[in-house]
Amino acid sequence: MSNLLNRAPAAGFDQPFEMLSACHERVQRSLHLLMRLVEHLKAADDTPKSREMAADAARDVLRYFDIAAPAHHEDEERHVFPLLLASLDQRLTTAVARLHADHLAMEAAWAVLRPLLQEVASAGASANLPALQSAADRFGALYAGHIELENDVVFPAARSAMDAAAVRAMGDEMAARRQAATGSTAPGSR
């Protein structure tokens, strides 16, 4: 169930906008795994293999949304959003305001979902499946439209406003921040 997350996006720090877009694929795979986990818990029999599968999937989801997703949001907040806010283009500033609010809501929703997943990661089961289902649904719903707005509007606008040196500096900063945090610049460390 959890091997969906093992593939890293092909883009690297030398292509930061492509990397940001590729990370959205990982977000979607992680959300899909989360929903599959909830369905597994609802349908699964209480066997050691079933609990092990659930625990593995929960750990994968936790790992992605504890490490990679916050770094991805920070990339956007540091490099993309300020550039577009400075443009004074009303359509772009409205989009950035919505995306920033989404990030805050995602952080709050993750704070509710995370301990429920930690329980599954340690026990392979959930003592409160309705709460897990509700928190997972809420968390997933926050991404609806968010990724599309970034990929279709915000990233292209920011990319077109940057020259090659600025794009290179953006990728270098993203890599340096991850290296400082994890000691790795491998694409899978996003």
Protein backbone atom coordinates (compact mmCIF):
# COMPACT_ATOMS: atom_id res chain seq x y z
CA MET A 1 0.00 0.00 0.00
CA SER A 2 2.77 2.49 0.84
CA ASN A 3 5.17 2.01 -2.08
CA LEU A 4 3.42 4.83 -3.97
CA LEU A 5 5.72 7.37 -2.37
CA ASN A 6 9.04 5.81 -3.29
CA ARG A 7 9.33 7.57 -6.64
CA ALA A 8 10.97 10.99 -6.48
CA PRO A 9 10.05 13.75 -8.90
CA ALA A 10 12.49 13.87 -11.81
CA ALA A 11 13.16 17.62 -11.59
CA GLY A 12 15.96 18.89 -9.40
CA PHE A 13 17.03 22.14 -7.80
CA ASP A 14 18.42 23.36 -11.11
CA GLN A 15 14.77 23.49 -12.28
CA PRO A 16 12.98 24.83 -9.19
CA PHE A 17 9.59 25.50 -10.81
CA GLU A 18 9.51 22.06 -12.38
CA MET A 19 10.49 20.65 -9.00
CA LEU A 20 7.66 22.53 -7.27
CA SER A 21 5.18 21.17 -9.81
CA ALA A 22 6.58 17.65 -9.51
CA CYS A 23 6.20 17.87 -5.74
CA HIS A 24 2.50 18.39 -6.31
CA GLU A 25 2.40 14.89 -7.76
CA ARG A 26 3.88 13.60 -4.51
CA VAL A 27 1.30 15.54 -2.52
CA GLN A 28 -1.46 13.93 -4.57
CA ARG A 29 0.04 10.46 -4.16
CA SER A 30 0.36 11.02 -0.41
CA LEU A 31 -3.25 12.17 -0.17
CA HIS A 32 -4.34 9.15 -2.21
CA LEU A 33 -2.40 6.90 0.15
CA LEU A 34 -4.06 8.60 3.12
CA MET A 35 -7.52 7.93 1.69
CA ARG A 36 -6.59 4.33 0.87
CA LEU A 37 -5.34 3.94 4.44
CA VAL A 38 -8.66 5.11 5.87
CA GLU A 39 -10.53 2.70 3.59
CA HIS A 40 -8.14 -0.10 4.58
CA LEU A 41 -8.79 0.57 8.26
CA LYS A 42 -12.54 0.55 7.72
CA ALA A 43 -12.49 -2.72 5.79
CA ALA A 44 -9.52 -4.57 7.22
CA ASP A 45 -9.66 -7.52 9.47
CA ASP A 46 -7.57 -7.28 12.61
CA THR A 47 -4.58 -9.36 11.54
CA PRO A 48 -0.89 -8.67 12.11
CA LYS A 49 -0.34 -8.24 8.35
CA SER A 50 -3.24 -5.76 8.08
CA ARG A 51 -1.95 -3.75 11.07
CA GLU A 52 1.58 -3.76 9.63
CA MET A 53 0.35 -2.48 6.25
CA ALA A 54 -1.67 0.26 7.95
CA ALA A 55 1.26 1.28 10.14
CA ASP A 56 3.61 1.45 7.14
CA ALA A 57 1.18 3.58 5.16
CA ALA A 58 0.61 5.92 8.10
CA ARG A 59 4.38 6.35 8.54
CA ASP A 60 4.75 7.20 4.84
CA VAL A 61 2.01 9.83 5.01
CA LEU A 62 3.48 11.25 8.23
CA ARG A 63 6.95 11.43 6.72
CA TYR A 64 5.75 13.28 3.63
CA PHE A 65 3.57 15.83 5.40
CA ASP A 66 6.00 16.32 8.32
CA ILE A 67 9.07 16.92 6.14
CA ALA A 68 8.51 17.48 2.44
CA ALA A 69 5.23 19.40 2.41
CA PRO A 70 6.40 22.09 4.88
CA ALA A 71 9.62 22.58 2.86
CA HIS A 72 7.54 22.88 -0.31
CA HIS A 73 5.25 25.47 1.26
CA GLU A 74 8.28 27.39 2.51
CA ASP A 75 9.69 27.43 -1.03
CA GLU A 76 6.49 29.03 -2.26
CA GLU A 77 6.28 31.50 0.62
CA ARG A 78 9.93 32.58 0.19
CA HIS A 79 10.36 32.63 -3.58
CA VAL A 80 7.03 32.71 -5.38
CA PHE A 81 4.54 34.64 -3.29
CA PRO A 82 6.63 37.77 -2.55
CA LEU A 83 7.46 38.18 -6.22
CA LEU A 84 3.81 38.08 -7.22
CA LEU A 85 2.67 40.34 -4.39
CA ALA A 86 5.20 42.91 -5.56
CA SER A 87 3.70 42.79 -9.06
CA LEU A 88 0.54 44.51 -7.82
CA ASP A 89 -1.45 42.48 -10.36
CA GLN A 90 -4.82 42.10 -8.60
CA ARG A 91 -5.48 38.62 -10.00
CA LEU A 92 -2.09 37.39 -8.78
CA THR A 93 -2.23 39.08 -5.37
CA THR A 94 -5.68 37.58 -4.80
CA ALA A 95 -4.37 34.13 -5.77
CA VAL A 96 -1.39 34.50 -3.44
CA ALA A 97 -3.62 35.59 -0.55
CA ARG A 98 -5.79 32.51 -1.07
CA LEU A 99 -2.78 30.19 -1.30
CA HIS A 100 -1.20 31.65 1.83
CA ALA A 101 -4.50 31.19 3.69
CA ASP A 102 -4.61 27.61 2.38
CA HIS A 103 -1.14 26.96 3.79
CA LEU A 104 -2.24 28.17 7.22
CA ALA A 105 -5.39 26.07 7.08
CA MET A 106 -3.37 23.03 5.95
CA GLU A 107 -1.02 23.48 8.89
CA ALA A 108 -3.95 23.63 11.33
CA ALA A 109 -5.67 20.62 9.74
CA TRP A 110 -2.40 18.66 9.86
CA ALA A 111 -2.15 19.39 13.59
CA VAL A 112 -5.49 17.58 14.02
CA LEU A 113 -4.74 14.71 11.62
CA ARG A 114 -1.16 14.03 12.67
CA PRO A 115 -1.81 12.49 16.14
CA LEU A 116 -4.51 10.27 14.65
CA LEU A 117 -2.01 9.00 12.08
CA GLN A 118 0.66 8.58 14.74
CA GLU A 119 -1.69 6.22 16.54
CA VAL A 120 -2.07 4.14 13.37
CA ALA A 121 1.69 4.26 12.76
CA SER A 122 2.37 2.82 16.21
CA ALA A 123 -0.62 0.45 16.61
CA GLY A 124 -1.64 -0.34 13.04
CA ALA A 125 -5.18 0.58 13.97
CA SER A 126 -7.28 3.56 14.97
CA ALA A 127 -9.24 3.89 18.19
CA ASN A 128 -11.30 6.66 16.60
CA LEU A 129 -11.83 5.87 12.94
CA PRO A 130 -14.62 8.47 12.47
CA ALA A 131 -12.26 11.23 13.68
CA LEU A 132 -9.50 9.97 11.39
CA GLN A 133 -11.88 9.86 8.42
CA SER A 134 -13.14 13.38 9.14
CA ALA A 135 -9.65 14.82 9.62
CA ALA A 136 -8.35 13.08 6.47
CA ASP A 137 -11.30 14.34 4.43
CA ARG A 138 -10.80 17.89 5.70
CA PHE A 139 -7.06 17.80 5.01
CA GLY A 140 -7.54 16.43 1.50
CA ALA A 141 -10.25 18.97 0.70
CA LEU A 142 -7.86 21.82 1.47
CA TYR A 143 -5.72 20.77 -1.47
CA ALA A 144 -8.66 20.83 -3.91
CA GLY A 145 -8.00 23.69 -6.28
CA HIS A 146 -4.83 24.73 -4.44
CA ILE A 147 -2.45 22.73 -6.60
CA GLU A 148 -4.27 23.66 -9.79
CA LEU A 149 -4.07 27.38 -8.98
CA GLU A 150 -0.36 27.11 -8.31
CA ASN A 151 0.45 25.02 -11.39
CA ASP A 152 -1.79 26.88 -13.83
CA VAL A 153 -1.54 30.50 -12.66
CA VAL A 154 0.97 31.26 -9.93
CA PHE A 155 4.03 29.26 -10.97
CA PRO A 156 3.90 30.35 -14.64
CA ALA A 157 3.49 34.02 -13.61
CA ALA A 158 6.40 33.86 -11.18
CA ARG A 159 8.60 31.97 -13.62
CA SER A 160 7.99 34.50 -16.38
CA ALA A 161 8.94 37.33 -14.00
CA MET A 162 12.34 35.80 -13.17
CA ASP A 163 15.50 35.79 -15.23
CA ALA A 164 17.82 32.77 -15.36
CA ALA A 165 20.04 34.09 -12.56
CA ALA A 166 17.05 34.53 -10.23
CA VAL A 167 15.78 31.05 -11.02
CA ARG A 168 19.25 29.61 -10.36
CA ALA A 169 19.47 31.52 -7.04
CA MET A 170 16.04 30.21 -6.07
CA GLY A 171 17.10 26.61 -6.72
CA ASP A 172 20.39 27.11 -4.89
CA GLU A 173 18.62 28.50 -1.82
CA MET A 174 16.10 25.66 -1.83
CA ALA A 175 18.90 23.09 -2.00
CA ALA A 176 20.96 24.82 0.71
CA ARG A 177 17.99 25.00 3.08
CA ARG A 178 17.29 21.30 2.68
CA GLN A 179 20.93 20.39 3.03
CA ALA A 180 21.11 22.36 6.28
CA ALA A 181 17.95 20.66 7.56
CA THR A 182 18.64 17.08 6.44
CA GLY A 183 22.20 16.85 5.25
CA SER A 184 20.90 15.75 1.82
CA THR A 185 20.12 17.47 -1.47
CA ALA A 186 18.77 14.36 -3.14
CA PRO A 187 15.53 15.00 -5.05
CA GLY A 188 13.70 12.52 -2.84
CA SER A 189 14.43 14.67 0.23
CA ARG A 190 11.76 17.15 -0.72
